[in-house]
């Protein structure tokens, strides 16, 4: 599979995510995809788990939009740079299972996905983002010295 074909798959997934089409978004991932994200104690496993996490984020930020800002690939790997922009108007589940009530705060933060493909699906995903860029605008953390 070529890099261009993988980019097409990722583009369709991003369209699905932004449209709330969770089947289209989920088709990017293998049934047993392994996902590593900031703040997780260990990897999450499975397409349904990945969709559930992202769906929860989009429900907390219903006007949220993911924009792909850069991509490159080599072999079976793809790297995708994105930005997420949205307003926190719905409940957000914290990493410990607690619920963060809506803050009406606007967030705009970059993140990066490194994916390994097998065939036409992502089998491994490493997600990188600065948690402070999400938590500080929501008022959940204060800058040092404030």
Foldseek 3Di string as FASTA:
>chain_A
DDPVLLVVLVVQLLVCLQVVVLVSVLVQADQFAWEAEPPDPGTDTGSVVVSVQSSLVCQQFVNKHKDWDDWDDDDQKIKTKIKIWGFRQQWHQDPVRDIDHGQRFIAIFMKMWMFGDDDRHTRYIYIDGDVCSVCVSSVNDDPPPD
